[in-house]
């Protein structure tokens, strides 16, 4: 007998072995059904490969006269052997198709029961699952960041218009109205910096919370830290309109770059992280399942029950049994 489990990368390996004594009767029976289906499928595949090899060998020994006699309805021994072997191959392939259909219905139940079991047995798994809420929180924070960035750009645009319209070239001084507009832009810049810092704190907290869980590699991205207040304050320190305009242009171009590429890239990164989180969680469950399968194969599977088990599953899930073989070991 051989098991047909799903390989999981080493980085997803689980240290503790499942506590099989705490598995419910229903889950145990489901694992036994799964084991019989996997082993039956492996044996059928082996039988199919053997038959294909036999047919290939027989066809090489079949002469043109043998083929003509078979077409005329008077097959010789080799043609009859090929035909009977092909009929047997058809039975095997039909049985394989039936087993595959049953397995497709059983596997989701097996995985769901395994995850239920893992949620009880593995506190670190549950802890990792709980961090998924951070993705929704982080997405909302990105939306807030976008609003803060828009507000800063509006305030900066207003300040630029005010400074340009009422600049005292002789005194190299901006007007009080422009000063007020700049102050508002600096306040908006402060709010934008605070939002950036908060988002990055959420990412740091998520990484810390998930560090000892199976989902540890699903790390939230960070926003680049920009000194918006310092940049905006620097406008007041420029000596002439040319320098002031150059400073405005520099800040606006950096904001536009952040808005057009940075935020979009961060959003895509969050989506990838959420997907990776899901894959890591599933991989952890599959690793537990593989261990349970190994145990079931060694301790719970009884060869003499295989045909009856498979036929019963076919009747329950497909409406009729379609497994014509008594499997022998």
Protein backbone atom coordinates (compact mmCIF):
# COMPACT_ATOMS: atom_id res chain seq x y z
CA UNK A 1 0.00 0.00 0.00
CA UNK A 2 1.12 3.52 -0.60
CA UNK A 3 -0.25 6.90 0.36
CA UNK A 4 -0.82 9.68 -2.14
CA UNK A 5 -0.54 12.81 0.02
CA UNK A 6 0.22 16.37 -1.06
CA UNK A 7 3.84 17.51 -0.57
CA UNK A 8 4.27 20.70 1.47
CA UNK A 9 7.44 22.84 1.37
CA UNK A 10 9.77 22.44 4.35
CA UNK A 11 9.12 25.97 5.57
CA UNK A 12 5.50 24.97 6.26
CA UNK A 13 6.39 21.87 8.31
CA UNK A 14 4.60 21.37 11.60
CA UNK A 15 6.61 20.23 14.60
CA UNK A 16 3.98 18.44 16.72
CA UNK A 17 2.51 15.15 15.57
CA UNK A 18 -1.31 15.08 15.58
CA UNK A 19 -2.88 13.68 18.72
CA UNK A 20 -4.86 10.89 17.08
CA UNK A 21 -6.49 9.86 20.35
CA UNK A 22 -8.54 13.08 20.26
CA UNK A 23 -9.93 12.53 16.78
CA UNK A 24 -13.68 12.03 16.67
CA UNK A 25 -15.18 8.80 15.39
CA UNK A 26 -16.71 10.59 12.40
CA UNK A 27 -13.41 12.20 11.43
CA UNK A 28 -11.60 8.88 11.80
CA UNK A 29 -14.07 7.16 9.47
CA UNK A 30 -13.65 9.98 6.96
CA UNK A 31 -9.87 9.57 7.07
CA UNK A 32 -10.26 5.82 6.53
CA UNK A 33 -12.51 6.45 3.52
CA UNK A 34 -9.94 8.89 2.17
CA UNK A 35 -7.17 6.34 2.64
CA UNK A 36 -9.07 3.59 0.82
CA UNK A 37 -9.79 5.93 -2.08
CA UNK A 38 -6.17 7.07 -2.38
CA UNK A 39 -4.79 3.56 -2.23
CA UNK A 40 -7.43 2.20 -4.62
CA UNK A 41 -6.59 4.97 -7.07
CA UNK A 42 -2.87 4.17 -6.85
CA UNK A 43 -3.49 0.46 -7.42
CA UNK A 44 -5.78 1.17 -10.36
CA UNK A 45 -3.17 3.45 -11.92
CA UNK A 46 -0.60 0.70 -11.54
CA UNK A 47 -2.98 -1.83 -13.15
CA UNK A 48 -3.72 0.56 -16.01
CA UNK A 49 -0.02 1.08 -16.70
CA UNK A 50 0.56 -2.68 -16.70
CA UNK A 51 -2.29 -3.22 -19.17
CA UNK A 52 -1.04 -0.47 -21.46
CA UNK A 53 2.37 -2.11 -21.48
CA UNK A 54 0.85 -5.53 -22.25
CA UNK A 55 -1.24 -4.12 -25.10
CA UNK A 56 1.82 -2.42 -26.56
CA UNK A 57 3.79 -5.66 -26.48
CA UNK A 58 0.90 -7.67 -27.98
CA UNK A 59 0.35 -5.16 -30.80
CA UNK A 60 3.99 -5.48 -31.80
CA UNK A 61 3.49 -9.24 -32.26
CA UNK A 62 0.24 -8.83 -34.24
CA UNK A 63 0.78 -9.32 -37.96
CA UNK A 64 -1.14 -7.64 -40.77
CA UNK A 65 -2.99 -10.92 -41.34
CA UNK A 66 -4.02 -10.97 -37.66
CA UNK A 67 -5.46 -7.46 -38.05
CA UNK A 68 -7.34 -8.36 -41.23
CA UNK A 69 -8.80 -11.50 -39.64
CA UNK A 70 -9.91 -9.44 -36.63
CA UNK A 71 -11.60 -6.88 -38.93
CA UNK A 72 -13.34 -9.74 -40.74
CA UNK A 73 -14.81 -11.00 -37.49
CA UNK A 74 -12.53 -14.02 -37.22
CA UNK A 75 -9.86 -12.88 -34.77
CA UNK A 76 -6.85 -15.07 -34.10
CA UNK A 77 -5.56 -15.74 -30.60
CA UNK A 78 -3.36 -12.63 -30.40
CA UNK A 79 -6.19 -10.38 -31.58
CA UNK A 80 -8.59 -11.92 -29.09
CA UNK A 81 -6.03 -11.37 -26.34
CA UNK A 82 -5.59 -7.74 -27.35
CA UNK A 83 -9.37 -7.21 -27.39
CA UNK A 84 -9.87 -8.79 -23.97
CA UNK A 85 -6.98 -6.77 -22.55
CA UNK A 86 -8.45 -3.57 -24.01
CA UNK A 87 -11.83 -4.42 -22.45
CA UNK A 88 -10.11 -4.89 -19.12
CA UNK A 89 -8.32 -1.56 -19.60
CA UNK A 90 -11.68 0.14 -20.23
CA UNK A 91 -13.01 -1.30 -16.96
CA UNK A 92 -9.96 -0.06 -15.11
CA UNK A 93 -10.28 3.44 -16.60
CA UNK A 94 -14.01 3.58 -15.78
CA UNK A 95 -13.22 2.54 -12.22
CA UNK A 96 -10.51 5.22 -12.01
CA UNK A 97 -12.95 7.86 -13.21
CA UNK A 98 -15.51 6.76 -10.63
CA UNK A 99 -12.96 6.78 -7.80
CA UNK A 100 -11.77 10.24 -8.88
CA UNK A 101 -15.34 11.59 -8.75
CA UNK A 102 -15.87 10.16 -5.27
CA UNK A 103 -12.52 11.50 -4.07
CA UNK A 104 -13.40 14.97 -5.38
CA UNK A 105 -16.48 14.94 -3.15
CA UNK A 106 -14.71 13.47 -0.13
CA UNK A 107 -11.57 15.65 -0.14
CA UNK A 108 -13.29 18.98 0.75
CA UNK A 109 -14.93 17.25 3.74
CA UNK A 110 -11.59 15.79 4.79
CA UNK A 111 -9.85 19.17 4.57
CA UNK A 112 -12.65 20.95 6.45
CA UNK A 113 -12.58 18.36 9.25
CA UNK A 114 -8.80 18.61 9.36
CA UNK A 115 -8.94 22.38 9.74
CA UNK A 116 -11.52 22.02 12.51
CA UNK A 117 -9.15 19.60 14.24
CA UNK A 118 -6.14 21.89 13.73
CA UNK A 119 -8.01 24.86 15.19
CA UNK A 120 -8.32 22.90 18.43
CA UNK A 121 -4.86 21.35 18.43
CA UNK A 122 -2.77 24.29 17.20
CA UNK A 123 -3.12 27.62 19.08
CA UNK A 124 -0.48 29.18 16.81
CA UNK A 125 -2.65 28.39 13.79
CA UNK A 126 -5.65 30.17 15.36
CA UNK A 127 -3.42 33.09 16.30
CA UNK A 128 -2.28 33.35 12.71
CA UNK A 129 -5.84 33.19 11.43
CA UNK A 130 -6.79 36.06 13.73
CA UNK A 131 -4.25 38.34 12.04
CA UNK A 132 -6.28 38.24 8.82
CA UNK A 133 -8.38 41.10 10.21
CA UNK A 134 -5.29 43.27 9.83
CA UNK A 135 -5.69 43.13 6.05
CA UNK A 136 -9.13 44.75 6.24
CA UNK A 137 -7.86 47.32 8.77
CA UNK A 138 -4.86 48.04 6.59
CA UNK A 139 -7.02 48.48 3.50
CA UNK A 140 -9.20 51.00 5.34
CA UNK A 141 -6.07 52.79 6.48
CA UNK A 142 -4.85 53.03 2.88
CA UNK A 143 -8.18 54.61 1.95
CA UNK A 144 -7.69 57.13 4.79
CA UNK A 145 -4.14 57.75 3.59
CA UNK A 146 -5.42 58.46 0.08
CA UNK A 147 -7.91 60.98 1.48
CA UNK A 148 -5.18 62.65 3.54
CA UNK A 149 -2.92 62.78 0.50
CA UNK A 150 -5.71 64.35 -1.58
CA UNK A 151 -6.35 66.91 1.15
CA UNK A 152 -2.65 67.78 1.31
CA UNK A 153 -2.44 68.21 -2.46
CA UNK A 154 -5.48 70.52 -2.41
CA UNK A 155 -4.00 72.59 0.42
CA UNK A 156 -0.65 72.72 -1.34
CA UNK A 157 -2.29 73.80 -4.60
CA UNK A 158 -4.19 76.55 -2.82
CA UNK A 159 -1.00 77.73 -1.10
CA UNK A 160 0.84 77.79 -4.40
CA UNK A 161 -1.86 79.94 -6.02
CA UNK A 162 -1.85 82.34 -3.05
CA UNK A 163 1.93 82.66 -2.98
CA UNK A 164 2.14 83.28 -6.72
CA UNK A 165 -0.70 85.83 -6.78
CA UNK A 166 0.45 87.93 -3.85
CA UNK A 167 4.22 87.68 -3.75
CA UNK A 168 6.14 90.86 -2.85
CA UNK A 169 9.14 90.61 -5.17
CA UNK A 170 10.78 93.75 -3.78
CA UNK A 171 10.62 92.51 -0.19
CA UNK A 172 10.94 88.86 -1.25
CA UNK A 173 8.05 88.10 1.04
CA UNK A 174 4.79 86.25 0.68
CA UNK A 175 1.52 87.82 1.76
CA UNK A 176 -0.27 87.10 5.05
CA UNK A 177 -3.01 85.30 3.12
CA UNK A 178 -0.39 83.10 1.48
CA UNK A 179 1.22 82.47 4.88
CA UNK A 180 -2.11 81.27 6.20
CA UNK A 181 -2.55 78.99 3.21
CA UNK A 182 0.94 77.57 3.78
CA UNK A 183 0.12 76.97 7.45
CA UNK A 184 -2.95 74.99 6.42
CA UNK A 185 -0.83 72.98 3.99
CA UNK A 186 1.66 72.22 6.77
CA UNK A 187 -1.17 71.02 9.00
CA UNK A 188 -2.44 68.79 6.18
CA UNK A 189 1.10 67.49 5.74
CA UNK A 190 1.22 66.64 9.43
CA UNK A 191 -2.00 64.64 9.17
CA UNK A 192 -0.59 62.78 6.16
CA UNK A 193 2.58 61.92 8.08
CA UNK A 194 0.53 60.69 11.04
CA UNK A 195 -1.52 58.44 8.75
CA UNK A 196 1.68 57.04 7.23
CA UNK A 197 3.10 56.33 10.67
CA UNK A 198 -0.12 54.62 11.78
CA UNK A 199 -0.20 52.36 8.72
CA UNK A 200 3.37 51.31 9.32
CA UNK A 201 2.64 50.64 12.99
CA UNK A 202 -0.21 48.36 11.93
CA UNK A 203 2.20 46.52 9.62
CA UNK A 204 4.76 46.21 12.44
CA UNK A 205 2.11 44.96 14.88
CA UNK A 206 0.87 42.43 12.34
CA UNK A 207 4.38 41.11 11.75
CA UNK A 208 4.99 40.83 15.49
CA UNK A 209 1.68 39.07 16.12
CA UNK A 210 2.22 36.59 13.29
CA UNK A 211 5.93 35.97 13.93
CA UNK A 212 5.41 32.60 15.67
CA UNK A 213 2.52 31.38 13.51
CA UNK A 214 2.33 29.36 10.27
CA UNK A 215 1.33 32.59 8.50
CA UNK A 216 4.49 34.47 9.57
CA UNK A 217 5.71 35.02 6.02
CA UNK A 218 2.56 36.88 5.00
CA UNK A 219 3.93 40.32 5.92
CA UNK A 220 2.08 43.55 5.29
CA UNK A 221 3.98 46.14 3.22
CA UNK A 222 5.08 49.50 4.60
CA UNK A 223 4.51 52.96 3.21
CA UNK A 224 7.57 55.06 2.45
CA UNK A 225 8.13 57.71 5.11
CA UNK A 226 8.18 61.21 3.62
CA UNK A 227 8.86 64.51 5.42
CA UNK A 228 5.86 66.41 4.09
CA UNK A 229 5.81 68.99 6.89
CA UNK A 230 9.52 69.74 6.58
CA UNK A 231 9.24 70.04 2.82
CA UNK A 232 6.29 72.40 3.03
CA UNK A 233 7.92 74.50 5.76
CA UNK A 234 11.01 74.83 3.54
CA UNK A 235 8.96 76.86 1.03
CA UNK A 236 8.98 79.78 3.49
CA UNK A 237 12.77 79.73 3.54
CA UNK A 238 13.26 80.23 -0.20
CA UNK A 239 14.73 83.57 -1.26
CA UNK A 240 12.82 84.26 -4.48
CA UNK A 241 9.85 83.16 -6.54
CA UNK A 242 11.96 80.91 -8.78
CA UNK A 243 13.18 78.92 -5.77
CA UNK A 244 9.66 78.84 -4.28
CA UNK A 245 8.19 77.48 -7.52
CA UNK A 246 10.98 74.89 -7.75
CA UNK A 247 10.18 73.71 -4.21
CA UNK A 248 6.47 73.47 -4.99
CA UNK A 249 7.26 71.51 -8.15
CA UNK A 250 9.54 69.11 -6.28
CA UNK A 251 6.94 68.37 -3.61
CA UNK A 252 4.10 67.98 -6.09
CA UNK A 253 6.09 65.64 -8.34
CA UNK A 254 6.95 63.44 -5.37
CA UNK A 255 3.31 63.37 -4.28
CA UNK A 256 2.16 62.51 -7.77
CA UNK A 257 4.69 59.69 -7.93
CA UNK A 258 3.48 58.38 -4.58
CA UNK A 259 -0.14 58.62 -5.69
CA UNK A 260 0.27 57.09 -9.15
CA UNK A 261 2.67 54.26 -8.33
CA UNK A 262 3.25 53.95 -4.59
CA UNK A 263 -0.34 53.60 -3.41
CA UNK A 264 -1.22 51.31 -6.29
CA UNK A 265 1.81 49.12 -5.61
CA UNK A 266 0.95 48.97 -1.92
CA UNK A 267 -2.62 47.94 -2.72
CA UNK A 268 -1.37 45.14 -4.98
CA UNK A 269 1.09 44.07 -2.29
CA UNK A 270 -1.69 43.78 0.27
CA UNK A 271 -3.70 41.59 -2.11
CA UNK A 272 -0.68 39.35 -2.64
CA UNK A 273 -0.08 39.17 1.09
CA UNK A 274 -3.69 38.22 1.78
CA UNK A 275 -3.42 35.46 -0.83
CA UNK A 276 -0.16 34.24 0.67
CA UNK A 277 -1.75 34.25 4.13
CA UNK A 278 -4.52 32.00 2.81
CA UNK A 279 -2.03 29.69 1.09
CA UNK A 280 0.11 29.40 4.21
CA UNK A 281 -2.95 28.56 6.30
CA UNK A 282 -4.04 25.92 3.81
CA UNK A 283 -0.53 24.50 3.59
CA UNK A 284 -0.42 24.14 7.37
CA UNK A 285 -3.72 22.25 7.32
CA UNK A 286 -2.47 19.99 4.51
CA UNK A 287 0.67 19.19 6.48
CA UNK A 288 -1.47 18.04 9.39
CA UNK A 289 -3.61 16.07 6.96
CA UNK A 290 -0.56 14.36 5.48
CA UNK A 291 0.52 13.26 8.93
CA UNK A 292 -2.95 12.00 9.71
CA UNK A 293 -3.00 10.16 6.39
CA UNK A 294 0.30 8.48 7.18
CA UNK A 295 -1.10 7.31 10.50
CA UNK A 296 -4.37 6.14 8.94
CA UNK A 297 -2.53 4.20 6.23
CA UNK A 298 -0.41 2.39 8.81
CA UNK A 299 -2.93 1.77 11.58
CA UNK A 300 -6.52 2.04 10.39
CA UNK A 301 -6.71 0.70 6.84
CA UNK A 302 -7.81 -2.92 6.45
CA UNK A 303 -7.16 -4.26 2.98
CA UNK A 304 -10.12 -6.62 3.03
CA UNK A 305 -12.50 -3.67 3.51
CA UNK A 306 -11.32 -1.66 0.50
CA UNK A 307 -13.72 -2.91 -2.17
CA UNK A 308 -16.71 -2.66 0.17
CA UNK A 309 -15.70 0.84 1.31
CA UNK A 310 -15.21 2.15 -2.21
CA UNK A 311 -18.48 0.66 -3.47
CA UNK A 312 -20.36 2.08 -0.50
CA UNK A 313 -18.95 5.55 -1.14
CA UNK A 314 -19.86 5.30 -4.82
CA UNK A 315 -23.43 4.36 -3.89
CA UNK A 316 -23.74 7.22 -1.40
CA UNK A 317 -22.10 9.93 -3.52
CA UNK A 318 -22.68 8.84 -7.13
CA UNK A 319 -25.91 6.89 -6.83
CA UNK A 320 -24.52 3.48 -7.81
CA UNK A 321 -21.38 1.37 -7.31
CA UNK A 322 -19.02 1.17 -10.26
CA UNK A 323 -16.03 -0.60 -8.75
CA UNK A 324 -15.99 -4.12 -10.23
CA UNK A 325 -12.80 -5.40 -8.69
CA UNK A 326 -11.91 -7.30 -5.58
CA UNK A 327 -8.59 -5.72 -4.66
CA UNK A 328 -6.04 -8.20 -3.40
CA UNK A 329 -2.80 -7.47 -1.55
